[in-house]
Amino acid sequence: MQSRLLRCVECDEIINMTEHDFSVEYYYDEENERFIEHPKDDRKSFITGHRGHDIEELRVNKATYVSDRPYSEPLKTGYFEATNGRETFVIKKYRDTIESPITYELINGHIEIVSVELKIQNEEIRRQIRTEISPPISEDKITRLMWVMQRVVSQLNANILLHDSLESDNPLISYCKLDNRSLEDMIELGKDIFEKEEFKKIRDFIYANSGHDGVMAPLVKRQFAIKNFCQTGKRVQVKQGMLS
C-alpha cells in the first residue's frame, strides 16, 4: 500500500496519506435494519487547516521502528525516525481507541537503543526437554544446564548475532542462531552434569533445536529511549521503552 508522510513545516503537524483516506465506511442502522454508506475524506481537514502553509514530505526509516508492545497489539504506541533530507525527526504513532484513526505526532529528538541483553529461552527449553527426553531428567540437572547455556550465551556479541536473526512479534526482541562453537561449548560443559546416556540425549537435543525457530535460539532483548537536547545542550531522556 502506497503512503506519503507529510509534515506542515509551520505547525509541525503530521499526516500519513494512504489510499484508505477515501475508503467508504459502513454503519449499521438498527432502527431501519440496514447498513448506511458513509464517504470518508481524512485528508480534507488537514489540507483545509494548513492551506497556504509550507508542506514537506518525510522519508521514513523503517529500520528505526520501536515499540514496547507486540506488532499485533492494536492500541500500541510506536516510534520511528523520518527525515526531510536536512533534519531527522521522531514520529510517534498511536491511536486512543480501536475505532480511532491513527495519530502521528512529531517529536524533536532521536531514538537510541540504551541496552541490549542476551537471554536463553529458559522456560521453553525446560518444557521441550520434558517433552522430548525420556526417562525424565531431574529438575536439578536441567537447572544446571540452564546456567551453563546462559553462561555461554552471555559471552556472545549481540550485534554479531543480530546479523543472522529473525524478528519476533515484538520489534525489540529477535531470535538468533548459535554458531557451532557455542553449541560445542554448551555440550562440553554438559559432560559434568549428565550421565552417559543422558548426555547423548542432551547433545542430540541441543543440535536438533539449534535453528532460528528452535528453543535453543537465544533472544536479543533491547530497550530504547527517545532522547532530546534541552536548551543547555544537555541530553535528556524523553521516553523509554522496556521489556520484562
Protein backbone atom coordinates (compact mmCIF):
# COMPACT_ATOMS: atom_id res chain seq x y z
CA MET A 1 0.00 0.00 0.00
CA GLN A 2 1.42 3.38 -1.04
CA SER A 3 1.60 6.06 1.66
CA ARG A 4 3.09 9.53 1.99
CA LEU A 5 4.08 11.04 5.33
CA LEU A 6 3.56 14.81 5.13
CA ARG A 7 4.58 17.50 7.62
CA CYS A 8 3.30 21.02 7.91
CA VAL A 9 6.53 22.99 8.46
CA GLU A 10 4.73 25.87 10.17
CA CYS A 11 2.58 23.82 12.57
CA ASP A 12 4.68 20.63 12.94
CA GLU A 13 1.57 18.53 12.31
CA ILE A 14 1.86 15.17 10.56
CA ILE A 15 -0.48 13.21 8.31
CA ASN A 16 0.13 9.85 6.67
CA MET A 17 -1.76 9.88 3.38
CA THR A 18 -2.84 6.47 2.12
CA GLU A 19 -5.42 5.03 -0.22
CA HIS A 20 -7.60 4.31 2.82
CA ASP A 21 -8.16 8.03 3.36
CA PHE A 22 -11.09 7.77 0.96
CA SER A 23 -12.32 4.32 1.94
CA VAL A 24 -16.06 4.08 2.44
CA GLU A 25 -17.21 3.28 5.97
CA TYR A 26 -20.43 1.46 6.78
CA TYR A 27 -22.61 1.95 9.84
CA TYR A 28 -25.50 -0.30 10.84
CA ASP A 29 -28.81 1.47 11.35
CA GLU A 30 -30.54 -0.74 13.92
CA GLU A 31 -33.85 1.13 13.69
CA ASN A 32 -34.17 0.56 9.94
CA GLU A 33 -32.11 -2.65 9.96
CA ARG A 34 -29.79 -1.64 7.17
CA PHE A 35 -26.20 -0.53 6.57
CA ILE A 36 -25.55 3.13 5.77
CA GLU A 37 -22.69 4.07 3.50
CA HIS A 38 -20.58 6.97 4.80
CA PRO A 39 -17.99 8.50 2.43
CA LYS A 40 -14.72 9.41 4.15
CA ASP A 41 -12.05 12.00 3.41
CA ASP A 42 -9.41 12.01 6.15
CA ARG A 43 -7.21 14.39 4.15
CA LYS A 44 -9.73 17.22 3.92
CA SER A 45 -9.31 18.60 7.44
CA PHE A 46 -5.51 18.56 7.15
CA ILE A 47 -5.48 20.23 3.73
CA THR A 48 -8.07 22.81 4.79
CA GLY A 49 -6.40 23.58 8.11
CA HIS A 50 -2.98 24.07 6.53
CA ARG A 51 -3.97 25.84 3.33
CA GLY A 52 -1.16 28.18 2.28
CA HIS A 53 1.35 26.58 4.64
CA ASP A 54 4.67 25.03 3.60
CA ILE A 55 4.13 21.25 3.38
CA GLU A 56 7.04 18.82 3.01
CA GLU A 57 7.25 15.06 2.55
CA LEU A 58 9.26 12.99 5.05
CA ARG A 59 11.15 9.81 4.18
CA VAL A 60 10.60 7.08 6.76
CA ASN A 61 13.46 4.94 8.06
CA LYS A 62 11.56 1.69 8.65
CA ALA A 63 14.54 0.07 10.38
CA THR A 64 14.22 2.51 13.31
CA TYR A 65 10.69 1.42 14.33
CA VAL A 66 10.41 0.58 18.04
CA SER A 67 7.60 -0.16 20.46
CA ASP A 68 7.38 -1.87 23.83
CA ARG A 69 4.25 -3.72 22.64
CA PRO A 70 3.87 -6.50 20.03
CA TYR A 71 3.03 -5.65 16.42
CA SER A 72 -0.33 -7.40 16.90
CA GLU A 73 -1.37 -5.07 19.76
CA PRO A 74 -3.93 -2.67 18.18
CA LEU A 75 -3.50 0.09 20.78
CA LYS A 76 0.29 0.09 20.94
CA THR A 77 2.38 3.24 20.73
CA GLY A 78 5.24 3.05 18.26
CA TYR A 79 8.08 5.36 17.29
CA PHE A 80 10.18 5.68 14.15
CA GLU A 81 12.52 8.20 12.57
CA ALA A 82 11.83 10.18 9.41
CA THR A 83 13.79 12.88 7.58
CA ASN A 84 13.20 15.74 5.18
CA GLY A 85 16.81 15.46 3.99
CA ARG A 86 18.06 18.14 6.40
CA GLU A 87 16.63 17.21 9.77
CA THR A 88 15.66 13.92 11.36
CA PHE A 89 12.53 13.66 13.48
CA VAL A 90 10.99 11.05 15.71
CA ILE A 91 7.39 10.26 14.81
CA LYS A 92 5.05 8.92 17.49
CA LYS A 93 2.32 6.68 16.10
CA TYR A 94 -0.70 5.72 18.21
CA ARG A 95 -4.48 5.51 18.48
CA ASP A 96 -6.63 6.15 21.56
CA THR A 97 -9.27 3.50 20.81
CA ILE A 98 -9.63 0.69 18.29
CA GLU A 99 -12.17 2.80 16.39
CA SER A 100 -9.97 5.91 16.37
CA PRO A 101 -7.79 6.78 13.36
CA ILE A 102 -4.03 6.51 13.83
CA THR A 103 -2.45 9.73 15.09
CA TYR A 104 1.05 10.83 14.10
CA GLU A 105 2.92 13.23 16.36
CA LEU A 106 6.31 14.82 15.68
CA ILE A 107 8.98 14.76 18.39
CA ASN A 108 12.31 16.57 18.07
CA GLY A 109 14.98 14.06 19.02
CA HIS A 110 16.24 10.64 18.06
CA ILE A 111 15.72 7.01 19.01
CA GLU A 112 18.53 5.39 20.90
CA ILE A 113 18.95 1.75 21.93
CA VAL A 114 20.11 2.10 25.53
CA SER A 115 20.67 -1.54 26.43
CA VAL A 116 20.94 -4.95 24.79
CA GLU A 117 20.55 -8.22 26.68
CA LEU A 118 21.13 -11.79 25.55
CA LYS A 119 18.86 -14.40 27.12
CA ILE A 120 18.17 -18.08 26.58
CA GLN A 121 14.59 -19.29 26.24
CA ASN A 122 14.64 -20.75 29.72
CA GLU A 123 11.06 -21.96 30.18
CA GLU A 124 10.72 -23.06 26.54
CA ILE A 125 13.89 -25.18 26.78
CA ARG A 126 12.72 -26.79 30.02
CA ARG A 127 9.34 -27.59 28.52
CA GLN A 128 10.87 -29.07 25.38
CA ILE A 129 13.32 -31.23 27.34
CA ARG A 130 10.45 -32.66 29.39
CA THR A 131 8.54 -33.37 26.17
CA GLU A 132 11.32 -34.90 24.09
CA ILE A 133 13.55 -36.74 26.54
CA SER A 134 12.53 -39.92 28.31
CA PRO A 135 13.01 -41.12 31.01
CA PRO A 136 12.69 -37.66 32.61
CA ILE A 137 15.82 -35.77 33.59
CA SER A 138 15.90 -34.35 37.10
CA GLU A 139 14.95 -30.70 37.54
CA ASP A 140 18.24 -30.07 39.30
CA LYS A 141 20.21 -31.21 36.25
CA ILE A 142 18.03 -29.16 33.92
CA THR A 143 18.62 -26.09 36.12
CA ARG A 144 22.36 -26.64 35.96
CA LEU A 145 22.12 -26.97 32.18
CA MET A 146 20.21 -23.66 32.00
CA TRP A 147 23.01 -22.00 33.95
CA VAL A 148 25.60 -23.39 31.53
CA MET A 149 23.63 -22.27 28.49
CA GLN A 150 23.11 -18.75 29.83
CA ARG A 151 26.81 -18.55 30.71
CA VAL A 152 27.80 -19.35 27.12
CA VAL A 153 25.20 -17.04 25.57
CA SER A 154 26.06 -14.09 27.83
CA GLN A 155 29.61 -14.08 26.45
CA LEU A 156 28.48 -13.67 22.83
CA ASN A 157 28.33 -10.42 20.85
CA ALA A 158 24.70 -9.41 20.39
CA ASN A 159 25.44 -7.16 17.41
CA ILE A 160 27.08 -10.04 15.54
CA LEU A 161 24.18 -12.37 16.36
CA LEU A 162 21.70 -9.81 15.01
CA HIS A 163 23.27 -10.09 11.55
CA ASP A 164 21.64 -13.53 11.30
CA SER A 165 18.39 -13.19 13.21
CA LEU A 166 14.62 -13.37 12.91
CA GLU A 167 12.34 -10.69 14.33
CA SER A 168 9.63 -11.78 16.74
CA ASP A 169 6.17 -10.26 17.14
CA ASN A 170 7.85 -7.65 19.32
CA PRO A 171 10.14 -5.19 17.47
CA LEU A 172 12.55 -5.18 20.41
CA ILE A 173 13.06 -8.97 20.52
CA SER A 174 14.92 -11.04 17.92
CA TYR A 175 15.63 -14.75 17.66
CA CYS A 176 19.26 -15.55 16.85
CA LYS A 177 21.12 -18.66 15.75
CA LEU A 178 24.02 -20.08 17.73
CA ASP A 179 27.22 -20.91 15.86
CA ASN A 180 28.81 -24.35 16.08
CA ARG A 181 31.45 -23.17 18.55
CA SER A 182 28.82 -22.02 21.04
CA LEU A 183 26.86 -25.27 20.68
CA GLU A 184 30.04 -27.28 21.24
CA ASP A 185 30.88 -25.21 24.34
CA MET A 186 27.45 -25.95 25.83
CA ILE A 187 27.79 -29.64 25.07
CA GLU A 188 31.29 -29.82 26.53
CA LEU A 189 30.19 -28.14 29.76
CA GLY A 190 27.23 -30.53 29.91
CA LYS A 191 29.56 -33.52 30.34
CA ASP A 192 29.93 -32.67 34.03
CA ILE A 193 26.16 -32.65 34.56
CA PHE A 194 24.78 -35.78 32.86
CA GLU A 195 25.38 -39.48 32.87
CA LYS A 196 26.47 -41.20 29.65
CA GLU A 197 23.01 -41.92 28.13
CA GLU A 198 21.51 -38.65 29.39
CA PHE A 199 24.44 -36.75 27.92
CA LYS A 200 23.87 -38.26 24.47
CA LYS A 201 20.20 -37.29 24.60
CA ILE A 202 21.01 -33.73 25.69
CA ARG A 203 23.65 -33.42 22.96
CA ASP A 204 21.16 -34.56 20.32
CA PHE A 205 18.53 -32.22 21.79
CA ILE A 206 20.83 -29.21 21.54
CA TYR A 207 21.71 -29.85 17.91
CA ALA A 208 18.12 -30.70 16.91
CA ASN A 209 16.75 -27.44 18.34
CA SER A 210 19.54 -25.06 17.31
CA GLY A 211 17.82 -23.36 14.33
CA HIS A 212 16.23 -19.91 14.33
CA ASP A 213 12.87 -21.49 15.13
CA GLY A 214 14.23 -23.87 17.78
CA VAL A 215 14.17 -23.33 21.53
CA MET A 216 17.96 -23.10 21.60
CA ALA A 217 17.82 -19.81 19.66
CA PRO A 218 18.91 -17.08 22.11
CA LEU A 219 16.87 -13.91 22.38
CA VAL A 220 18.30 -10.44 21.90
CA LYS A 221 16.20 -8.08 24.03
CA ARG A 222 16.60 -4.34 23.61
CA GLN A 223 15.45 -1.24 25.46
CA PHE A 224 15.06 2.11 23.75
CA ALA A 225 14.91 5.73 24.75
CA ILE A 226 13.81 8.79 22.83
CA LYS A 227 16.33 11.49 23.65
CA ASN A 228 16.48 15.17 23.00
CA PHE A 229 18.65 18.15 23.90
CA CYS A 230 17.38 20.83 26.23
CA GLN A 231 18.39 24.47 25.78
CA THR A 232 21.65 24.00 27.69
CA GLY A 233 22.70 21.26 25.29
CA LYS A 234 22.46 18.57 27.97
CA ARG A 235 20.91 15.33 26.76
CA VAL A 236 17.64 14.45 28.44
CA GLN A 237 15.57 11.33 28.24
CA VAL A 238 12.03 11.81 26.96
CA LYS A 239 10.63 8.31 26.77
CA GLN A 240 11.97 4.85 27.48
CA GLY A 241 10.61 1.51 26.32
CA MET A 242 11.38 -1.50 28.47
CA LEU A 243 10.86 -5.23 28.25
CA SER A 244 10.17 -7.54 31.14
